[in-house]
C-alpha atoms as a PDB file:
ATOM      1  CA  MET A   1       0.000   0.000   0.000  1.00  0.00           C
ATOM      2  CA  SER A   2       2.952   2.381   0.376  1.00  0.00           C
ATOM      3  CA  SER A   3       2.892   2.673  -3.419  1.00  0.00           C
ATOM      4  CA  ASN A   4      -0.528   4.290  -2.937  1.00  0.00           C
ATOM      5  CA  ALA A   5       1.049   6.750  -0.504  1.00  0.00           C
ATOM      6  CA  GLN A   6       3.707   7.607  -3.072  1.00  0.00           C
ATOM      7  CA  LYS A   7       1.120   7.972  -5.832  1.00  0.00           C
ATOM      8  CA  LEU A   8      -0.988  10.237  -3.622  1.00  0.00           C
ATOM      9  CA  TYR A   9       2.056  12.273  -2.589  1.00  0.00           C
ATOM     10  CA  ASP A  10       2.972  12.819  -6.235  1.00  0.00           C
ATOM     11  CA  LEU A  11      -0.567  13.911  -7.107  1.00  0.00           C
ATOM     12  CA  ILE A  12      -0.755  16.337  -4.184  1.00  0.00           C
ATOM     13  CA  ALA A  13       2.720  17.705  -4.945  1.00  0.00           C
ATOM     14  CA  SER A  14       1.631  18.482  -8.505  1.00  0.00           C
ATOM     15  CA  ASP A  15      -1.522  20.348  -7.366  1.00  0.00           C
ATOM     16  CA  SER A  16      -0.452  23.728  -6.016  1.00  0.00           C
ATOM     17  CA  LYS A  17      -3.806  24.457  -4.297  1.00  0.00           C
ATOM     18  CA  LYS A  18      -3.891  21.153  -2.427  1.00  0.00           C
ATOM     19  CA  LYS A  19      -0.203  21.433  -1.585  1.00  0.00           C
ATOM     20  CA  GLN A  20      -0.587  24.977  -0.203  1.00  0.00           C
ATOM     21  CA  SER A  21      -3.692  24.060   1.789  1.00  0.00           C
ATOM     22  CA  LEU A  22      -1.944  21.071   3.372  1.00  0.00           C
ATOM     23  CA  PHE A  23       1.131  23.166   4.121  1.00  0.00           C
ATOM     24  CA  LEU A  24      -0.940  25.771   5.969  1.00  0.00           C
ATOM     25  CA  THR A  25      -2.817  23.087   7.898  1.00  0.00           C
ATOM     26  CA  ALA A  26       0.420  21.315   8.789  1.00  0.00           C
ATOM     27  CA  LEU A  27       1.846  24.499  10.295  1.00  0.00           C
ATOM     28  CA  THR A  28      -0.881  24.703  12.899  1.00  0.00           C
ATOM     29  CA  ASN A  29      -2.207  21.164  13.175  1.00  0.00           C
ATOM     30  CA  PRO A  30       0.042  18.450  11.727  1.00  0.00           C
ATOM     31  CA  LYS A  31      -2.286  15.617  12.764  1.00  0.00           C
ATOM     32  CA  LYS A  32      -5.197  17.245  10.951  1.00  0.00           C
ATOM     33  CA  ALA A  33      -2.986  17.472   7.867  1.00  0.00           C
ATOM     34  CA  LEU A  34      -2.617  13.678   8.004  1.00  0.00           C
ATOM     35  CA  ASP A  35      -6.397  13.365   8.097  1.00  0.00           C
ATOM     36  CA  LYS A  36      -6.680  15.688   5.097  1.00  0.00           C
ATOM     37  CA  ILE A  37      -4.121  13.642   3.146  1.00  0.00           C
ATOM     38  CA  CYS A  38      -6.167  10.496   3.761  1.00  0.00           C
ATOM     39  CA  ASP A  39      -9.374  12.353   2.814  1.00  0.00           C
ATOM     40  CA  ILE A  40      -7.829  13.532  -0.454  1.00  0.00           C
ATOM     41  CA  GLY A  41      -6.822   9.936  -1.126  1.00  0.00           C
ATOM     42  CA  GLN A  42     -10.409   8.760  -0.625  1.00  0.00           C
ATOM     43  CA  GLU A  43     -11.676  11.447  -3.014  1.00  0.00           C
ATOM     44  CA  LEU A  44      -9.224  10.177  -5.641  1.00  0.00           C
ATOM     45  CA  ASP A  45      -9.847   6.465  -4.898  1.00  0.00           C
ATOM     46  CA  ILE A  46      -6.293   6.115  -3.587  1.00  0.00           C
ATOM     47  CA  TYR A  47      -6.799   4.649  -0.151  1.00  0.00           C
ATOM     48  CA  VAL A  48      -4.047   5.113   2.422  1.00  0.00           C
ATOM     49  CA  THR A  49      -3.823   5.012   6.188  1.00  0.00           C
ATOM     50  CA  LYS A  50      -2.105   7.625   8.325  1.00  0.00           C
ATOM     51  CA  GLU A  51       0.567   5.060   9.120  1.00  0.00           C
ATOM     52  CA  GLU A  52       1.239   4.456   5.411  1.00  0.00           C
ATOM     53  CA  VAL A  53       1.538   8.194   4.808  1.00  0.00           C
ATOM     54  CA  ILE A  54       3.961   8.589   7.714  1.00  0.00           C
ATOM     55  CA  GLU A  55       5.956   5.564   6.563  1.00  0.00           C
ATOM     56  CA  TYR A  56       6.268   6.930   3.032  1.00  0.00           C
ATOM     57  CA  LEU A  57       7.075  10.485   4.114  1.00  0.00           C
ATOM     58  CA  SER A  58       9.815   9.195   6.390  1.00  0.00           C
ATOM     59  CA  THR A  59      11.625   7.939   3.271  1.00  0.00           C
ATOM     60  CA  ILE A  60      11.756  11.408   1.710  1.00  0.00           C
ATOM     61  CA  ASP A  61      15.102  13.156   2.169  1.00  0.00           C
ATOM     62  CA  ASP A  62      13.742  16.588   3.021  1.00  0.00           C
ATOM     63  CA  GLU A  63      14.332  18.382   6.340  1.00  0.00           C
ATOM     64  CA  ALA A  64      10.999  20.237   6.316  1.00  0.00           C
ATOM     65  CA  THR A  65       9.118  16.967   5.812  1.00  0.00           C
ATOM     66  CA  LYS A  66      11.088  15.293   8.592  1.00  0.00           C
ATOM     67  CA  MET A  67      10.346  18.150  11.024  1.00  0.00           C
ATOM     68  CA  TRP A  68       6.656  18.008  10.134  1.00  0.00           C
ATOM     69  CA  LEU A  69       6.631  14.261  10.786  1.00  0.00           C
ATOM     70  CA  ILE A  70       8.093  14.825  14.230  1.00  0.00           C
ATOM     71  CA  LYS A  71       5.289  17.283  14.969  1.00  0.00           C
ATOM     72  CA  ALA A  72       2.642  14.970  13.507  1.00  0.00           C
ATOM     73  CA  ARG A  73       3.824  12.189  15.780  1.00  0.00           C
ATOM     74  CA  GLY A  74       3.498  14.541  18.766  1.00  0.00           C
ATOM     75  CA  GLY A  75       7.203  15.151  19.252  1.00  0.00           C
ATOM     76  CA  LEU A  76       7.196  18.958  19.357  1.00  0.00           C
END
């Protein structure tokens, strides 16, 4: 299923409105951003769990993504 997370990530990354909306949500409520990612997946028939999203994002070599993941997991 992590291939679904990657597919969804790629689709969101290519949609500037969705990407910006998630970025703003993630700044204030990282856990809600995870919910929104899963909701977007359902809308697109790309089903992912929060755990799959976190697992996939943890493979991305990007400091901002890593910091967001720490917040989403409740670390900050």
